[in-house]
Amino acid sequence: LEGCGGELLGVSTPRPNHMDLLLLLGLVGSLPAPPIGSSLPLPASAGPREHAGPRVLPLTAAHRPAGIVIEALAASSSKAALDYIERAFATPAAASSRDAAAPWYEARPPQAEPPPREEPPPAALSAALDGLQRQSGSDAAFARCVSLLLRYCDNALADPDNAKFRTIRSSAKAFQRGLASLPAAADALAALGFERAAAQPVCEGGVCSIGGGGAEEFVLPATADAATELRRGSAHLRHALTAAQYREAGWPTRFSGALPAACRALPAPLLETVAAELRAPHVPELLAHGDNAARVESALGGGPAAVEALTAQLAELRKEAEAAAG
């Protein structure tokens, strides 16, 4: 409290310290945050003597913490607290009957904020997946490889305390069929956090064996950090699998570069809808006209709102093409 300019303790200082007040937020974090785009009329008792009318604090994203603290301090009905709020944050506002009757938080049209964007995969995993796709030879084969990698990840994450599920034996039938012939598979496992080790004997019925010559294991360390990295990596694997499935289903080659980012950024229903529109018979002719292809590619990388608008336009053009053909 002393860090807030001493005002709350009744100690007179030349100027309130705004940043210290914001840091105080950590002590009152359980209070509800005011919505972005709102305004916070201060109580009448906090109004300045030199101005008539109510005082209003506009709230922006930067003011969200301040709004919580202001609400907590104003609720205390402390004259020192109200005076501090008024001097530190308030600005004059024109008096009106509407302002006088306004609730504590006055709703205003929400300000558009950019949607959260998921980060691209780490460079090592991205390079390994690129190599795996080249070596597998087709989108269908690549999808099978990624599906097997995902199975290994899901097993390890489902029971991280079980060493059996954190261990991948290169001599196992599934590994031999799906990944053994692809050098990039080992790179992908390493990028996911699995470490190479010499295969340990497996004993059943008194008989122990290691497997084929040169058999090795890929073991995930039993640490929280390794599990966290594996969880992130498996999310990128799912995006890569989705992209492979859409390419196999007819996603235009012209937009292959935009597909991975679209898989990360778009909700599944929206991605399926725009993919269906891009598979329509009239689309190749549409993309060959003017700068349509560049505009579509730009929209695909512009986030959900841009893709929703693109989907609506493509649907309208498809209906027009169907009507003209019918």
Protein backbone atom coordinates (compact mmCIF):
# COMPACT_ATOMS: atom_id res chain seq x y z
CA LEU A 1 0.00 0.00 0.00
CA GLU A 2 2.89 2.34 0.69
CA GLY A 3 4.02 1.63 -2.86
CA CYS A 4 0.77 3.16 -4.17
CA GLY A 5 2.02 6.63 -3.43
CA GLY A 6 1.11 6.34 0.25
CA GLU A 7 -2.36 7.64 -0.57
CA LEU A 8 -4.24 4.70 0.89
CA LEU A 9 -2.46 5.17 4.21
CA GLY A 10 -3.26 8.86 4.32
CA VAL A 11 0.34 9.81 3.59
CA SER A 12 0.56 12.78 1.27
CA THR A 13 2.82 12.37 -1.77
CA PRO A 14 3.16 14.59 -4.86
CA ARG A 15 1.94 12.03 -7.40
CA PRO A 16 0.33 8.56 -7.26
CA ASN A 17 2.38 5.70 -8.68
CA HIS A 18 0.23 3.99 -11.33
CA MET A 19 2.48 0.98 -11.85
CA ASP A 20 2.57 0.14 -8.17
CA LEU A 21 -1.20 0.23 -8.10
CA LEU A 22 -1.31 -2.21 -11.01
CA LEU A 23 1.09 -4.51 -9.19
CA LEU A 24 -1.36 -4.56 -6.30
CA LEU A 25 -3.69 -6.47 -8.61
CA GLY A 26 -2.10 -9.73 -7.56
CA LEU A 27 -3.67 -9.32 -4.11
CA VAL A 28 -7.22 -8.89 -5.40
CA GLY A 29 -7.15 -11.28 -8.37
CA SER A 30 -10.25 -13.12 -7.18
CA LEU A 31 -12.49 -10.18 -8.04
CA PRO A 32 -14.26 -10.21 -11.45
CA ALA A 33 -12.49 -8.29 -14.19
CA PRO A 34 -14.39 -5.52 -15.99
CA PRO A 35 -14.99 -6.25 -19.67
CA ILE A 36 -12.79 -4.63 -22.28
CA GLY A 37 -14.58 -1.73 -23.95
CA SER A 38 -16.45 -0.77 -20.77
CA SER A 39 -16.40 2.46 -18.85
CA LEU A 40 -16.24 2.76 -15.10
CA PRO A 41 -18.18 5.73 -13.63
CA LEU A 42 -16.66 6.67 -10.30
CA PRO A 43 -18.93 7.17 -7.28
CA ALA A 44 -20.19 10.69 -6.70
CA SER A 45 -18.08 10.96 -3.58
CA ALA A 46 -14.97 10.62 -5.73
CA GLY A 47 -15.88 13.52 -8.00
CA PRO A 48 -13.55 16.50 -8.07
CA ARG A 49 -14.62 19.72 -6.51
CA GLU A 50 -13.52 21.75 -9.52
CA HIS A 51 -15.60 19.82 -12.09
CA ALA A 52 -19.32 19.25 -12.24
CA GLY A 53 -20.80 15.95 -13.33
CA PRO A 54 -19.71 12.34 -12.96
CA ARG A 55 -16.20 11.07 -13.55
CA VAL A 56 -15.71 8.17 -15.95
CA LEU A 57 -12.76 5.83 -16.40
CA PRO A 58 -12.69 4.29 -19.92
CA LEU A 59 -11.38 0.74 -19.71
CA THR A 60 -9.08 -0.73 -22.36
CA ALA A 61 -7.04 -3.91 -22.39
CA ALA A 62 -4.25 -2.06 -20.62
CA HIS A 63 -6.66 -0.90 -17.89
CA ARG A 64 -8.14 -4.32 -17.11
CA PRO A 65 -5.96 -4.80 -13.98
CA ALA A 66 -6.56 -1.22 -12.90
CA GLY A 67 -10.32 -1.72 -13.17
CA ILE A 68 -10.20 -4.60 -10.71
CA VAL A 69 -8.17 -2.61 -8.20
CA ILE A 70 -10.40 0.43 -8.61
CA GLU A 71 -13.50 -1.63 -7.95
CA ALA A 72 -11.95 -3.11 -4.81
CA LEU A 73 -10.79 0.24 -3.44
CA ALA A 74 -13.94 2.16 -4.28
CA ALA A 75 -16.04 -0.50 -2.60
CA SER A 76 -14.20 0.23 0.64
CA SER A 77 -15.83 3.70 0.73
CA SER A 78 -12.51 5.04 1.97
CA LYS A 79 -12.18 8.73 1.18
CA ALA A 80 -8.42 8.34 0.75
CA ALA A 81 -8.95 5.46 -1.68
CA LEU A 82 -11.56 7.36 -3.72
CA ASP A 83 -9.38 10.45 -3.83
CA TYR A 84 -6.47 8.34 -5.04
CA ILE A 85 -8.57 6.75 -7.80
CA GLU A 86 -9.89 10.11 -8.92
CA ARG A 87 -6.45 11.71 -9.16
CA ALA A 88 -4.70 8.69 -10.68
CA PHE A 89 -7.11 7.54 -13.35
CA ALA A 90 -10.28 9.57 -13.80
CA THR A 91 -10.94 12.01 -16.63
CA PRO A 92 -13.81 14.51 -16.88
CA ALA A 93 -16.95 13.29 -18.60
CA ALA A 94 -19.95 15.23 -19.80
CA ALA A 95 -22.85 14.92 -17.38
CA SER A 96 -26.08 13.46 -18.70
CA SER A 97 -29.08 11.62 -17.30
CA ARG A 98 -27.82 8.49 -19.03
CA ASP A 99 -24.42 8.76 -17.33
CA ALA A 100 -26.00 9.42 -13.97
CA ALA A 101 -28.05 6.22 -14.23
CA ALA A 102 -25.23 4.13 -15.64
CA PRO A 103 -24.35 0.91 -13.81
CA TRP A 104 -20.93 0.40 -12.27
CA TYR A 105 -19.73 -1.16 -15.50
CA GLU A 106 -21.33 0.37 -18.56
CA ALA A 107 -21.23 -1.95 -21.56
CA ARG A 108 -19.90 -0.57 -24.81
CA PRO A 109 -19.43 -2.34 -28.15
CA PRO A 110 -16.57 -4.82 -27.68
CA GLN A 111 -13.34 -3.99 -29.43
CA ALA A 112 -12.11 -6.63 -31.85
CA GLU A 113 -9.05 -8.46 -30.60
CA PRO A 114 -6.92 -10.73 -32.79
CA PRO A 115 -7.62 -14.43 -32.21
CA PRO A 116 -4.92 -16.39 -30.45
CA ARG A 117 -2.58 -18.02 -32.92
CA GLU A 118 -0.98 -21.33 -32.16
CA GLU A 119 2.76 -21.41 -32.61
CA PRO A 120 4.25 -23.39 -35.51
CA PRO A 121 6.08 -26.60 -34.62
CA PRO A 122 9.69 -26.41 -33.40
CA ALA A 123 12.28 -26.41 -36.18
CA ALA A 124 13.52 -29.93 -35.36
CA LEU A 125 10.04 -31.45 -35.46
CA SER A 126 9.09 -29.50 -38.58
CA ALA A 127 12.23 -30.71 -40.40
CA ALA A 128 11.62 -34.30 -39.28
CA LEU A 129 8.02 -34.23 -40.52
CA ASP A 130 9.12 -32.76 -43.85
CA GLY A 131 11.65 -35.58 -44.22
CA LEU A 132 9.07 -38.17 -43.18
CA GLN A 133 6.67 -36.91 -45.82
CA ARG A 134 9.30 -37.09 -48.56
CA GLN A 135 10.42 -40.57 -47.52
CA SER A 136 6.91 -41.98 -47.14
CA GLY A 137 6.09 -41.14 -50.77
CA SER A 138 2.42 -40.17 -50.51
CA ASP A 139 -0.01 -38.33 -48.28
CA ALA A 140 -1.74 -41.59 -47.39
CA ALA A 141 1.53 -43.26 -46.31
CA PHE A 142 2.61 -40.13 -44.46
CA ALA A 143 -0.73 -40.07 -42.60
CA ARG A 144 -0.20 -43.68 -41.50
CA CYS A 145 3.28 -42.83 -40.18
CA VAL A 146 2.02 -39.81 -38.25
CA SER A 147 -0.89 -41.84 -36.87
CA LEU A 148 1.57 -44.36 -35.44
CA LEU A 149 3.69 -41.60 -33.91
CA LEU A 150 0.55 -40.18 -32.34
CA ARG A 151 -0.32 -43.56 -30.89
CA TYR A 152 3.08 -43.69 -29.19
CA CYS A 153 2.57 -40.15 -27.84
CA ASP A 154 -0.95 -40.84 -26.57
CA ASN A 155 0.17 -44.03 -24.81
CA ALA A 156 3.02 -42.23 -23.06
CA LEU A 157 0.82 -39.32 -22.00
CA ALA A 158 -2.02 -41.56 -20.81
CA ASP A 159 0.20 -43.40 -18.31
CA PRO A 160 3.44 -41.43 -17.85
CA ASP A 161 4.50 -43.43 -14.79
CA ASN A 162 4.51 -46.69 -16.74
CA ALA A 163 7.91 -47.27 -18.34
CA LYS A 164 6.33 -49.68 -20.83
CA PHE A 165 4.32 -46.89 -22.45
CA ARG A 166 7.26 -44.50 -22.47
CA THR A 167 9.39 -47.03 -24.37
CA ILE A 168 9.25 -47.73 -28.12
CA ARG A 169 11.08 -50.85 -29.23
CA SER A 170 12.46 -50.65 -32.76
CA SER A 171 12.02 -54.42 -33.07
CA ALA A 172 8.26 -54.23 -32.44
CA LYS A 173 6.07 -55.26 -35.38
CA ALA A 174 4.22 -51.94 -35.58
CA PHE A 175 7.48 -49.98 -35.70
CA GLN A 176 8.98 -52.36 -38.26
CA ARG A 177 5.94 -52.07 -40.55
CA GLY A 178 5.38 -48.34 -40.24
CA LEU A 179 8.60 -46.52 -39.39
CA ALA A 180 11.72 -48.71 -39.48
CA SER A 181 12.50 -48.01 -43.16
CA LEU A 182 12.20 -44.21 -42.76
CA PRO A 183 15.26 -42.50 -41.22
CA ALA A 184 13.22 -39.36 -40.49
CA ALA A 185 11.06 -41.37 -38.07
CA ALA A 186 13.93 -41.52 -35.58
CA ASP A 187 14.44 -37.76 -36.02
CA ALA A 188 10.75 -37.17 -35.30
CA LEU A 189 10.90 -39.27 -32.12
CA ALA A 190 13.99 -37.37 -30.99
CA ALA A 191 12.22 -34.05 -31.66
CA LEU A 192 9.29 -35.28 -29.55
CA GLY A 193 11.62 -35.94 -26.62
CA PHE A 194 12.32 -39.68 -26.93
CA GLU A 195 15.94 -40.67 -26.30
CA ARG A 196 17.75 -43.53 -28.02
CA ALA A 197 19.00 -46.37 -25.89
CA ALA A 198 20.19 -49.94 -26.36
CA ALA A 199 17.29 -52.36 -26.23
CA GLN A 200 16.80 -54.13 -22.91
CA PRO A 201 16.01 -57.87 -22.82
CA VAL A 202 12.37 -58.91 -22.71
CA CYS A 203 11.76 -62.04 -20.68
CA GLU A 204 8.67 -64.22 -21.08
CA GLY A 205 8.32 -67.73 -19.71
CA GLY A 206 11.92 -67.80 -18.67
CA VAL A 207 13.13 -66.93 -22.16
CA CYS A 208 14.79 -63.55 -22.69
CA SER A 209 15.35 -61.87 -26.04
CA ILE A 210 16.35 -58.47 -27.36
CA GLY A 211 15.13 -58.71 -30.92
CA GLY A 212 16.96 -58.36 -34.19
CA GLY A 213 20.57 -57.36 -34.46
CA GLY A 214 21.22 -53.74 -33.56
CA ALA A 215 17.81 -53.39 -31.91
CA GLU A 216 17.35 -50.18 -29.96
CA GLU A 217 14.71 -48.39 -27.95
CA PHE A 218 13.34 -44.87 -27.86
CA VAL A 219 12.62 -43.90 -24.25
CA LEU A 220 10.77 -40.81 -23.01
CA PRO A 221 12.31 -39.46 -19.76
CA ALA A 222 9.97 -39.71 -16.75
CA THR A 223 9.89 -35.96 -16.11
CA ALA A 224 7.18 -33.32 -16.15
CA ASP A 225 9.12 -31.26 -18.70
CA ALA A 226 9.35 -34.21 -21.08
CA ALA A 227 5.60 -34.80 -20.77
CA THR A 228 4.87 -31.13 -21.46
CA GLU A 229 7.05 -31.08 -24.57
CA LEU A 230 5.52 -34.34 -25.76
CA ARG A 231 2.03 -32.90 -25.34
CA ARG A 232 2.98 -29.88 -27.45
CA GLY A 233 4.62 -32.07 -30.05
CA SER A 234 1.62 -34.37 -30.29
CA ALA A 235 -0.60 -31.34 -30.98
CA HIS A 236 1.63 -30.49 -33.96
CA LEU A 237 1.45 -34.10 -35.11
CA ARG A 238 -2.34 -33.87 -35.15
CA HIS A 239 -2.16 -30.75 -37.31
CA ALA A 240 0.24 -32.52 -39.68
CA LEU A 241 -2.10 -35.51 -39.86
CA THR A 242 -5.09 -33.28 -40.57
CA ALA A 243 -3.19 -31.48 -43.34
CA ALA A 244 -2.20 -34.81 -44.93
CA GLN A 245 -5.79 -36.02 -44.84
CA TYR A 246 -7.06 -32.83 -46.50
CA ARG A 247 -4.38 -33.00 -49.19
CA GLU A 248 -5.36 -36.59 -49.88
CA ALA A 249 -9.01 -35.55 -50.09
CA GLY A 250 -8.37 -32.97 -52.80
CA TRP A 251 -7.13 -29.77 -51.17
CA PRO A 252 -5.90 -27.57 -54.06
CA THR A 253 -2.17 -27.95 -54.61
CA ARG A 254 -1.98 -24.20 -55.20
CA PHE A 255 -2.72 -23.67 -51.48
CA SER A 256 -0.62 -26.45 -49.96
CA GLY A 257 1.61 -23.88 -48.29
CA ALA A 258 -1.35 -22.31 -46.47
CA LEU A 259 -2.77 -25.62 -45.24
CA PRO A 260 -0.56 -26.25 -42.15
CA ALA A 261 -1.27 -22.80 -40.70
CA ALA A 262 -4.98 -23.20 -41.50
CA CYS A 263 -5.03 -26.53 -39.62
CA ARG A 264 -3.53 -24.80 -36.58
CA ALA A 265 -5.69 -21.68 -36.64
CA LEU A 266 -9.14 -22.80 -37.79
CA PRO A 267 -11.84 -24.71 -35.91
CA ALA A 268 -12.39 -28.14 -37.45
CA PRO A 269 -15.94 -27.39 -38.78
CA LEU A 270 -14.76 -24.21 -40.51
CA LEU A 271 -11.76 -25.97 -42.03
CA GLU A 272 -14.00 -28.73 -43.36
CA THR A 273 -16.45 -26.19 -44.83
CA VAL A 274 -13.83 -24.15 -46.67
CA ALA A 275 -12.13 -27.35 -47.90
CA ALA A 276 -15.45 -28.53 -49.35
CA GLU A 277 -15.95 -25.21 -51.13
CA LEU A 278 -12.42 -25.35 -52.56
CA ARG A 279 -13.14 -28.82 -53.97
CA ALA A 280 -16.12 -27.55 -55.97
CA PRO A 281 -15.85 -28.16 -59.77
CA HIS A 282 -15.89 -24.48 -60.72
CA VAL A 283 -12.99 -23.49 -58.42
CA PRO A 284 -10.09 -24.18 -60.86
CA GLU A 285 -11.62 -21.84 -63.41
CA LEU A 286 -12.32 -19.28 -60.69
CA LEU A 287 -8.72 -19.35 -59.45
CA ALA A 288 -7.36 -18.90 -62.98
CA HIS A 289 -9.10 -15.54 -63.28
CA GLY A 290 -7.22 -12.38 -62.31
CA ASP A 291 -5.75 -12.34 -58.81
CA ASN A 292 -8.36 -14.64 -57.32
CA ALA A 293 -5.80 -17.28 -56.35
CA ALA A 294 -3.66 -14.76 -54.45
CA ARG A 295 -6.72 -13.36 -52.70
CA VAL A 296 -7.89 -16.81 -51.63
CA GLU A 297 -4.43 -17.72 -50.34
CA SER A 298 -4.28 -14.47 -48.36
CA ALA A 299 -7.69 -15.15 -46.81
CA LEU A 300 -6.67 -18.69 -45.84
CA GLY A 301 -3.84 -17.25 -43.77
CA GLY A 302 -5.93 -14.47 -42.24
CA GLY A 303 -7.55 -16.36 -39.38
CA PRO A 304 -11.11 -17.56 -38.71
CA ALA A 305 -12.90 -14.31 -39.58
CA ALA A 306 -11.18 -14.01 -42.96
CA VAL A 307 -11.86 -17.67 -43.76
CA GLU A 308 -15.53 -17.34 -42.78
CA ALA A 309 -15.88 -14.43 -45.21
CA LEU A 310 -14.04 -16.40 -47.91
CA THR A 311 -16.29 -19.42 -47.34
CA ALA A 312 -19.41 -17.30 -47.72
CA GLN A 313 -18.13 -15.82 -50.99
CA LEU A 314 -17.16 -19.23 -52.35
CA ALA A 315 -20.57 -20.65 -51.43
CA GLU A 316 -22.34 -17.80 -53.22
CA LEU A 317 -20.21 -18.27 -56.34
CA ARG A 318 -20.83 -22.03 -56.25
CA LYS A 319 -24.59 -21.49 -56.15
CA GLU A 320 -24.38 -19.10 -59.09
CA ALA A 321 -22.30 -21.63 -61.06
CA GLU A 322 -24.76 -24.43 -60.25
CA ALA A 323 -27.69 -22.27 -61.30
CA ALA A 324 -26.00 -21.36 -64.59
CA ALA A 325 -25.16 -25.01 -65.29
CA GLY A 326 -28.65 -26.23 -64.41
